[in-house]
C-alpha atoms as a PDB file:
ATOM      1  CA  MET A   1     148.921 -49.485 174.748  1.00  0.00           C
ATOM      2  CA  ALA A   2     152.058 -47.576 175.395  1.00  0.00           C
ATOM      3  CA  GLU A   3     152.889 -44.406 173.481  1.00  0.00           C
ATOM      4  CA  LYS A   4     155.671 -44.369 170.974  1.00  0.00           C
ATOM      5  CA  PRO A   5     158.862 -42.766 172.311  1.00  0.00           C
ATOM      6  CA  GLU A   6     158.867 -40.181 169.485  1.00  0.00           C
ATOM      7  CA  GLU A   7     155.378 -38.911 170.376  1.00  0.00           C
ATOM      8  CA  SER A   8     156.292 -38.618 174.047  1.00  0.00           C
ATOM      9  CA  LEU A   9     159.490 -36.792 173.185  1.00  0.00           C
ATOM     10  CA  GLU A  10     157.644 -34.376 170.878  1.00  0.00           C
ATOM     11  CA  ALA A  11     155.027 -33.608 173.538  1.00  0.00           C
ATOM     12  CA  ARG A  12     157.701 -32.949 176.180  1.00  0.00           C
ATOM     13  CA  LEU A  13     159.642 -30.789 173.731  1.00  0.00           C
ATOM     14  CA  LYS A  14     156.498 -28.746 172.985  1.00  0.00           C
ATOM     15  CA  GLN A  15     155.800 -28.301 176.725  1.00  0.00           C
ATOM     16  CA  LEU A  16     159.370 -27.180 177.313  1.00  0.00           C
ATOM     17  CA  GLY A  17     159.147 -24.683 174.436  1.00  0.00           C
ATOM     18  CA  ASP A  18     155.906 -23.268 175.857  1.00  0.00           C
ATOM     19  CA  LYS A  19     157.473 -22.850 179.302  1.00  0.00           C
ATOM     20  CA  ILE A  20     160.505 -21.076 177.823  1.00  0.00           C
ATOM     21  CA  GLU A  21     158.297 -18.702 175.811  1.00  0.00           C
ATOM     22  CA  ALA A  22     156.239 -17.892 178.909  1.00  0.00           C
ATOM     23  CA  LYS A  23     159.330 -16.898 180.888  1.00  0.00           C
ATOM     24  CA  ARG A  24     161.107 -15.048 178.078  1.00  0.00           C
ATOM     25  CA  PRO A  25     160.663 -11.249 178.079  1.00  0.00           C
ATOM     26  CA  ASN A  26     158.998  -9.673 175.093  1.00  0.00           C
ATOM     27  CA  THR A  27     162.002  -9.048 172.866  1.00  0.00           C
ATOM     28  CA  PRO A  28     160.145  -7.239 170.049  1.00  0.00           C
ATOM     29  CA  ASP A  29     159.253  -4.404 172.459  1.00  0.00           C
ATOM     30  CA  VAL A  30     162.864  -4.083 173.567  1.00  0.00           C
ATOM     31  CA  ALA A  31     164.060  -4.168 169.952  1.00  0.00           C
ATOM     32  CA  GLU A  32     161.538  -1.504 168.947  1.00  0.00           C
ATOM     33  CA  ALA A  33     162.611   0.730 171.834  1.00  0.00           C
ATOM     34  CA  ARG A  34     166.256   0.362 170.855  1.00  0.00           C
ATOM     35  CA  ALA A  35     165.446   1.157 167.225  1.00  0.00           C
ATOM     36  CA  ALA A  36     163.498   4.271 168.256  1.00  0.00           C
ATOM     37  CA  GLU A  37     166.386   5.403 170.468  1.00  0.00           C
ATOM     38  CA  SER A  38     168.803   4.820 167.610  1.00  0.00           C
ATOM     39  CA  ARG A  39     166.656   6.941 165.274  1.00  0.00           C
ATOM     40  CA  LYS A  40     166.641   9.746 167.842  1.00  0.00           C
ATOM     41  CA  GLY A  41     170.421   9.570 168.016  1.00  0.00           C
ATOM     42  CA  TYR A  42     170.764   9.746 164.242  1.00  0.00           C
ATOM     43  CA  ALA A  43     168.401  12.719 164.104  1.00  0.00           C
ATOM     44  CA  ALA A  44     170.396  14.571 166.756  1.00  0.00           C
ATOM     45  CA  ALA A  45     173.658  13.812 164.958  1.00  0.00           C
ATOM     46  CA  MET A  46     172.271  15.074 161.649  1.00  0.00           C
ATOM     47  CA  LYS A  47     171.012  18.247 163.307  1.00  0.00           C
ATOM     48  CA  LEU A  48     174.340  18.978 164.983  1.00  0.00           C
ATOM     49  CA  SER A  49     176.384  18.236 161.873  1.00  0.00           C
ATOM     50  CA  SER A  50     174.161  20.431 159.705  1.00  0.00           C
ATOM     51  CA  GLU A  51     174.489  23.282 162.232  1.00  0.00           C
ATOM     52  CA  PHE A  52     178.268  23.002 162.066  1.00  0.00           C
ATOM     53  CA  ILE A  53     178.538  22.701 158.287  1.00  0.00           C
ATOM     54  CA  ALA A  54     176.088  25.563 157.717  1.00  0.00           C
ATOM     55  CA  GLY A  55     178.236  27.912 159.796  1.00  0.00           C
ATOM     56  CA  ILE A  56     181.343  27.046 157.812  1.00  0.00           C
ATOM     57  CA  VAL A  57     179.608  27.303 154.420  1.00  0.00           C
ATOM     58  CA  VAL A  58     178.018  30.670 155.201  1.00  0.00           C
ATOM     59  CA  GLY A  59     181.326  32.049 156.489  1.00  0.00           C
ATOM     60  CA  ALA A  60     183.198  30.870 153.403  1.00  0.00           C
ATOM     61  CA  PHE A  61     180.523  32.274 151.082  1.00  0.00           C
ATOM     62  CA  LEU A  62     180.548  35.677 152.770  1.00  0.00           C
ATOM     63  CA  GLY A  63     184.347  35.747 152.670  1.00  0.00           C
ATOM     64  CA  TYR A  64     184.359  34.864 148.982  1.00  0.00           C
ATOM     65  CA  LEU A  65     181.833  37.620 148.234  1.00  0.00           C
ATOM     66  CA  LEU A  66     183.915  40.139 150.158  1.00  0.00           C
ATOM     67  CA  ASP A  67     187.047  39.113 148.268  1.00  0.00           C
ATOM     68  CA  HIS A  68     185.266  39.207 144.931  1.00  0.00           C
ATOM     69  CA  PHE A  69     183.716  42.655 145.300  1.00  0.00           C
ATOM     70  CA  ALA A  70     186.336  44.399 147.464  1.00  0.00           C
ATOM     71  CA  GLY A  71     189.376  42.757 145.890  1.00  0.00           C
ATOM     72  CA  THR A  72     190.966  41.927 149.227  1.00  0.00           C
ATOM     73  CA  GLY A  73     192.622  38.732 148.029  1.00  0.00           C
ATOM     74  CA  PRO A  74     192.275  35.604 150.121  1.00  0.00           C
ATOM     75  CA  TRP A  75     192.070  37.494 153.403  1.00  0.00           C
ATOM     76  CA  GLY A  76     188.306  37.905 153.472  1.00  0.00           C
ATOM     77  CA  LEU A  77     187.833  34.217 152.741  1.00  0.00           C
ATOM     78  CA  ILE A  78     190.318  33.198 155.424  1.00  0.00           C
ATOM     79  CA  ILE A  79     188.887  35.477 158.103  1.00  0.00           C
ATOM     80  CA  PHE A  80     185.242  34.696 157.383  1.00  0.00           C
ATOM     81  CA  LEU A  81     185.984  30.975 157.112  1.00  0.00           C
ATOM     82  CA  LEU A  82     187.459  31.070 160.610  1.00  0.00           C
ATOM     83  CA  LEU A  83     184.508  33.121 161.860  1.00  0.00           C
ATOM     84  CA  GLY A  84     182.139  30.617 160.260  1.00  0.00           C
ATOM     85  CA  PHE A  85     183.981  27.782 161.976  1.00  0.00           C
ATOM     86  CA  CYS A  86     183.630  29.518 165.337  1.00  0.00           C
ATOM     87  CA  ALA A  87     179.948  30.234 164.691  1.00  0.00           C
ATOM     88  CA  GLY A  88     179.393  26.572 163.751  1.00  0.00           C
ATOM     89  CA  VAL A  89     181.037  25.346 166.941  1.00  0.00           C
ATOM     90  CA  LEU A  90     178.996  27.801 169.013  1.00  0.00           C
ATOM     91  CA  ASN A  91     175.761  26.697 167.306  1.00  0.00           C
ATOM     92  CA  VAL A  92     176.562  23.039 167.980  1.00  0.00           C
ATOM     93  CA  LEU A  93     177.273  23.761 171.641  1.00  0.00           C
ATOM     94  CA  ARG A  94     174.019  25.715 171.957  1.00  0.00           C
ATOM     95  CA  SER A  95     172.019  22.946 170.279  1.00  0.00           C
ATOM     96  CA  ALA A  96     173.603  20.349 172.542  1.00  0.00           C
ATOM     97  CA  GLY A  97     172.716  22.448 175.588  1.00  0.00           C
ATOM     98  CA  MET A  98     176.282  22.970 176.734  1.00  0.00           C
ATOM     99  CA  VAL A  99     176.210  26.765 176.351  1.00  0.00           C
ATOM    100  CA  ALA A 100     173.412  29.066 177.428  1.00  0.00           C
ATOM    101  CA  THR A 101     171.413  30.804 174.728  1.00  0.00           C
ATOM    102  CA  PRO A 102     171.842  34.587 174.385  1.00  0.00           C
ATOM    103  CA  GLU A 103     168.285  35.226 175.650  1.00  0.00           C
ATOM    104  CA  ALA A 104     169.034  33.536 178.966  1.00  0.00           C
ATOM    105  CA  GLY A 105     171.889  35.953 179.688  1.00  0.00           C
ATOM    106  CA  ARG A 106     169.726  39.038 179.208  1.00  0.00           C
ATOM    107  CA  GLY A 107     167.171  38.058 181.798  1.00  0.00           C
ATOM    108  CA  GLY A 108     164.354  37.063 179.477  1.00  0.00           C
ATOM    109  CA  SER A 109     162.154  39.394 177.465  1.00  0.00           C
ATOM    110  CA  GLY A 110     162.737  42.474 179.598  1.00  0.00           C
ATOM    111  CA  ASN A 111     159.073  42.739 180.577  1.00  0.00           C
ATOM    112  CA  ASP A 112     159.646  41.323 184.034  1.00  0.00           C
ATOM    113  CA  LYS A 113     159.177  43.899 186.790  1.00  0.00           C
ATOM    114  CA  LYS A 114     161.214  43.645 189.929  1.00  0.00           C
ATOM    115  CA  ASP A 115     160.007  44.770 193.334  1.00  0.00           C
ATOM    116  CA  GLY A 116     160.407  48.512 193.654  1.00  0.00           C
ATOM    117  CA  ASP A 117     160.630  49.212 189.903  1.00  0.00           C
ATOM    118  CA  ALA A 118     158.538  52.201 188.868  1.00  0.00           C
ATOM    119  CA  ARG A 119     158.466  51.427 185.153  1.00  0.00           C
END
């Protein structure tokens, strides 16, 4: 006896679905990799923003303390707020790797001996 057309169609549809699945790349692995990369980006952004905000907050706090105890008016707050802003920007640039750290400019720990040194 001949098969019903619906059964034949369902079998062909199942075969086609199996072939498509075999050729499709594993999308969960790609999605997991993208999610992990996104988490790394968020972590870096949080680190950089906290470095920047901490510099500003510490500068403002020190300026406020100077104004409070020395009675210098708003000048201590203004100057230390600007210094805190500059320190925050410098910390962000160091964390991002765009500016060398202070240790790199000094030549390391200072324990390195050059040829001909009699230390």
